[in-house]
C-alpha atoms as a PDB file:
ATOM      1  CA  UNK A   1       2.641 -12.785   0.759  1.00  0.00           C
ATOM      2  CA  UNK A   2       1.714 -10.583  -2.111  1.00  0.00           C
ATOM      3  CA  UNK A   3      -0.050  -7.878  -0.094  1.00  0.00           C
ATOM      4  CA  UNK A   4       2.060  -4.877   0.840  1.00  0.00           C
ATOM      5  CA  UNK A   5       2.729  -4.073   4.507  1.00  0.00           C
ATOM      6  CA  UNK A   6       1.843  -0.450   3.777  1.00  0.00           C
ATOM      7  CA  UNK A   7      -0.204   0.919   0.931  1.00  0.00           C
ATOM      8  CA  UNK A   8       0.439   4.477  -0.246  1.00  0.00           C
ATOM      9  CA  UNK A   9      -2.035   5.597  -2.905  1.00  0.00           C
ATOM     10  CA  UNK A  10      -3.755   8.814  -3.810  1.00  0.00           C
ATOM     11  CA  UNK A  11      -6.893   9.614  -5.742  1.00  0.00           C
ATOM     12  CA  UNK A  12      -6.413   9.019  -9.480  1.00  0.00           C
ATOM     13  CA  UNK A  13      -3.590   6.501  -9.027  1.00  0.00           C
ATOM     14  CA  UNK A  14      -3.592   3.516 -11.400  1.00  0.00           C
ATOM     15  CA  UNK A  15      -4.034   0.286  -9.427  1.00  0.00           C
ATOM     16  CA  UNK A  16      -4.078  -3.454 -10.081  1.00  0.00           C
ATOM     17  CA  UNK A  17      -6.123  -6.066  -8.218  1.00  0.00           C
ATOM     18  CA  UNK A  18      -4.080  -8.764  -6.478  1.00  0.00           C
ATOM     19  CA  UNK A  19      -7.039 -10.965  -5.559  1.00  0.00           C
ATOM     20  CA  UNK A  20     -10.066 -12.307  -7.422  1.00  0.00           C
ATOM     21  CA  UNK A  21     -13.155 -10.352  -6.327  1.00  0.00           C
ATOM     22  CA  UNK A  22     -15.580 -11.922  -8.816  1.00  0.00           C
ATOM     23  CA  UNK A  23     -15.615 -13.802 -12.115  1.00  0.00           C
ATOM     24  CA  UNK A  24     -14.864 -10.575 -14.007  1.00  0.00           C
ATOM     25  CA  UNK A  25     -12.800  -8.673 -11.418  1.00  0.00           C
ATOM     26  CA  UNK A  26      -9.751 -10.917 -11.211  1.00  0.00           C
ATOM     27  CA  UNK A  27      -6.104 -10.803 -10.210  1.00  0.00           C
ATOM     28  CA  UNK A  28      -4.343  -8.451 -12.648  1.00  0.00           C
ATOM     29  CA  UNK A  29      -7.433  -6.371 -13.479  1.00  0.00           C
ATOM     30  CA  UNK A  30      -6.526  -2.671 -13.660  1.00  0.00           C
ATOM     31  CA  UNK A  31      -8.352   0.479 -12.729  1.00  0.00           C
ATOM     32  CA  UNK A  32      -8.049   3.929 -11.199  1.00  0.00           C
ATOM     33  CA  UNK A  33      -8.555   4.753  -7.521  1.00  0.00           C
ATOM     34  CA  UNK A  34     -11.572   7.057  -7.209  1.00  0.00           C
ATOM     35  CA  UNK A  35     -11.540   7.485  -3.460  1.00  0.00           C
ATOM     36  CA  UNK A  36     -10.992   5.829  -0.107  1.00  0.00           C
ATOM     37  CA  UNK A  37     -13.933   5.991   2.257  1.00  0.00           C
ATOM     38  CA  UNK A  38     -13.776   4.307   5.654  1.00  0.00           C
ATOM     39  CA  UNK A  39     -12.883   0.653   5.128  1.00  0.00           C
ATOM     40  CA  UNK A  40     -13.560   0.730   1.363  1.00  0.00           C
ATOM     41  CA  UNK A  41     -11.609   1.732  -1.713  1.00  0.00           C
ATOM     42  CA  UNK A  42     -13.630   2.673  -4.773  1.00  0.00           C
ATOM     43  CA  UNK A  43     -11.965   1.783  -8.056  1.00  0.00           C
ATOM     44  CA  UNK A  44     -13.122   2.451 -11.606  1.00  0.00           C
ATOM     45  CA  UNK A  45     -12.013  -0.469 -13.782  1.00  0.00           C
ATOM     46  CA  UNK A  46     -11.349  -0.395 -17.529  1.00  0.00           C
ATOM     47  CA  UNK A  47     -14.983  -1.264 -18.350  1.00  0.00           C
ATOM     48  CA  UNK A  48     -16.087   1.930 -16.557  1.00  0.00           C
ATOM     49  CA  UNK A  49     -17.638  -0.015 -13.679  1.00  0.00           C
ATOM     50  CA  UNK A  50     -17.034   1.511 -10.236  1.00  0.00           C
ATOM     51  CA  UNK A  51     -16.389  -1.211  -7.663  1.00  0.00           C
ATOM     52  CA  UNK A  52     -15.905  -1.163  -3.895  1.00  0.00           C
ATOM     53  CA  UNK A  53     -12.869  -3.065  -2.636  1.00  0.00           C
ATOM     54  CA  UNK A  54     -12.655  -4.255   0.963  1.00  0.00           C
ATOM     55  CA  UNK A  55      -9.659  -5.523   2.895  1.00  0.00           C
ATOM     56  CA  UNK A  56      -8.807  -9.226   2.686  1.00  0.00           C
ATOM     57  CA  UNK A  57      -6.774 -11.350   5.076  1.00  0.00           C
ATOM     58  CA  UNK A  58      -4.024 -13.569   3.713  1.00  0.00           C
ATOM     59  CA  UNK A  59      -2.472 -16.193   5.964  1.00  0.00           C
ATOM     60  CA  UNK A  60       0.841 -18.008   5.466  1.00  0.00           C
ATOM     61  CA  UNK A  61       0.924 -21.567   6.803  1.00  0.00           C
ATOM     62  CA  UNK A  62       3.802 -23.885   7.727  1.00  0.00           C
ATOM     63  CA  UNK A  63       3.997 -26.516   4.962  1.00  0.00           C
ATOM     64  CA  UNK A  64       4.714 -29.341   7.439  1.00  0.00           C
ATOM     65  CA  UNK A  65       2.293 -28.666  10.274  1.00  0.00           C
ATOM     66  CA  UNK A  66      -0.235 -26.410   8.489  1.00  0.00           C
ATOM     67  CA  UNK A  67      -0.091 -24.089  11.475  1.00  0.00           C
ATOM     68  CA  UNK A  68      -0.521 -20.387  10.687  1.00  0.00           C
ATOM     69  CA  UNK A  69       2.804 -18.551  10.648  1.00  0.00           C
ATOM     70  CA  UNK A  70       1.661 -15.029   9.793  1.00  0.00           C
ATOM     71  CA  UNK A  71      -1.295 -13.160   8.420  1.00  0.00           C
ATOM     72  CA  UNK A  72      -1.846  -9.728   6.926  1.00  0.00           C
ATOM     73  CA  UNK A  73      -5.064  -7.809   6.355  1.00  0.00           C
ATOM     74  CA  UNK A  74      -4.801  -5.284   3.561  1.00  0.00           C
ATOM     75  CA  UNK A  75      -6.595  -3.986   0.492  1.00  0.00           C
ATOM     76  CA  UNK A  76      -5.843  -6.379  -2.398  1.00  0.00           C
ATOM     77  CA  UNK A  77      -4.494  -3.666  -4.706  1.00  0.00           C
ATOM     78  CA  UNK A  78      -1.112  -2.385  -5.747  1.00  0.00           C
ATOM     79  CA  UNK A  79       0.031   0.750  -7.572  1.00  0.00           C
ATOM     80  CA  UNK A  80       0.182  -0.136 -11.274  1.00  0.00           C
ATOM     81  CA  UNK A  81       2.355   2.426 -13.001  1.00  0.00           C
ATOM     82  CA  UNK A  82       4.126  -0.511 -14.675  1.00  0.00           C
ATOM     83  CA  UNK A  83       3.760  -4.275 -14.827  1.00  0.00           C
ATOM     84  CA  UNK A  84       5.677  -7.403 -15.669  1.00  0.00           C
ATOM     85  CA  UNK A  85       5.181  -9.206 -18.956  1.00  0.00           C
ATOM     86  CA  UNK A  86       3.422 -11.992 -17.040  1.00  0.00           C
ATOM     87  CA  UNK A  87       0.708  -9.650 -15.741  1.00  0.00           C
ATOM     88  CA  UNK A  88       0.420  -7.963 -19.135  1.00  0.00           C
ATOM     89  CA  UNK A  89      -0.122 -11.221 -21.027  1.00  0.00           C
ATOM     90  CA  UNK A  90      -3.473 -11.165 -22.814  1.00  0.00           C
ATOM     91  CA  UNK A  91      -4.050  -7.477 -22.086  1.00  0.00           C
ATOM     92  CA  UNK A  92      -4.736  -4.904 -24.806  1.00  0.00           C
ATOM     93  CA  UNK A  93      -3.099  -1.491 -24.624  1.00  0.00           C
ATOM     94  CA  UNK A  94      -3.828   1.749 -26.452  1.00  0.00           C
ATOM     95  CA  UNK A  95      -0.277   2.965 -25.789  1.00  0.00           C
ATOM     96  CA  UNK A  96       2.793   0.857 -25.050  1.00  0.00           C
ATOM     97  CA  UNK A  97       6.114   2.089 -23.730  1.00  0.00           C
ATOM     98  CA  UNK A  98       8.835  -0.531 -24.052  1.00  0.00           C
ATOM     99  CA  UNK A  99      12.125   0.178 -22.314  1.00  0.00           C
ATOM    100  CA  UNK A 100      14.742  -1.817 -24.208  1.00  0.00           C
ATOM    101  CA  UNK A 101      17.967  -0.150 -23.194  1.00  0.00           C
ATOM    102  CA  UNK A 102      21.109  -2.267 -22.715  1.00  0.00           C
ATOM    103  CA  UNK A 103      20.074  -5.605 -21.262  1.00  0.00           C
ATOM    104  CA  UNK A 104      17.185  -6.444 -23.546  1.00  0.00           C
ATOM    105  CA  UNK A 105      17.467 -10.183 -24.187  1.00  0.00           C
ATOM    106  CA  UNK A 106      14.483 -10.571 -26.516  1.00  0.00           C
ATOM    107  CA  UNK A 107      14.792 -10.584 -30.288  1.00  0.00           C
ATOM    108  CA  UNK A 108      13.279  -7.755 -32.349  1.00  0.00           C
ATOM    109  CA  UNK A 109      11.140 -10.232 -34.299  1.00  0.00           C
ATOM    110  CA  UNK A 110       9.546 -11.478 -31.056  1.00  0.00           C
ATOM    111  CA  UNK A 111       8.728  -7.922 -29.992  1.00  0.00           C
ATOM    112  CA  UNK A 112       7.188  -7.196 -33.404  1.00  0.00           C
ATOM    113  CA  UNK A 113       5.129 -10.379 -33.242  1.00  0.00           C
ATOM    114  CA  UNK A 114       3.938  -9.600 -29.725  1.00  0.00           C
ATOM    115  CA  UNK A 115       2.973  -6.007 -30.519  1.00  0.00           C
ATOM    116  CA  UNK A 116       1.171  -6.883 -33.764  1.00  0.00           C
ATOM    117  CA  UNK A 117      -1.028  -9.672 -32.343  1.00  0.00           C
ATOM    118  CA  UNK A 118      -4.730  -8.767 -32.631  1.00  0.00           C
END
């Protein structure tokens, strides 16, 4: 299950949605946590829109019997101080920090091509 067992966030923390909420608010969409009020989180997304986020329930089923094995109810967000290249694909950034210390397996030409794409 992708949802965390515990969620530790504070006001102003960057977050990422882990569940599609609408056609425009989809898995991977980023924003900033404005506040938590009761059973709602209020997040301001990159477009400036302020959206309420409610808890969702995810259930894991046995592949053979389709019986529920476990379920978790949690807000479908995660702290987003960093992200994998898969989540970042297709996203535009004003600033990019690339950590390419010792075990960087990608060629420099690929990095240049990726960064310079419009």
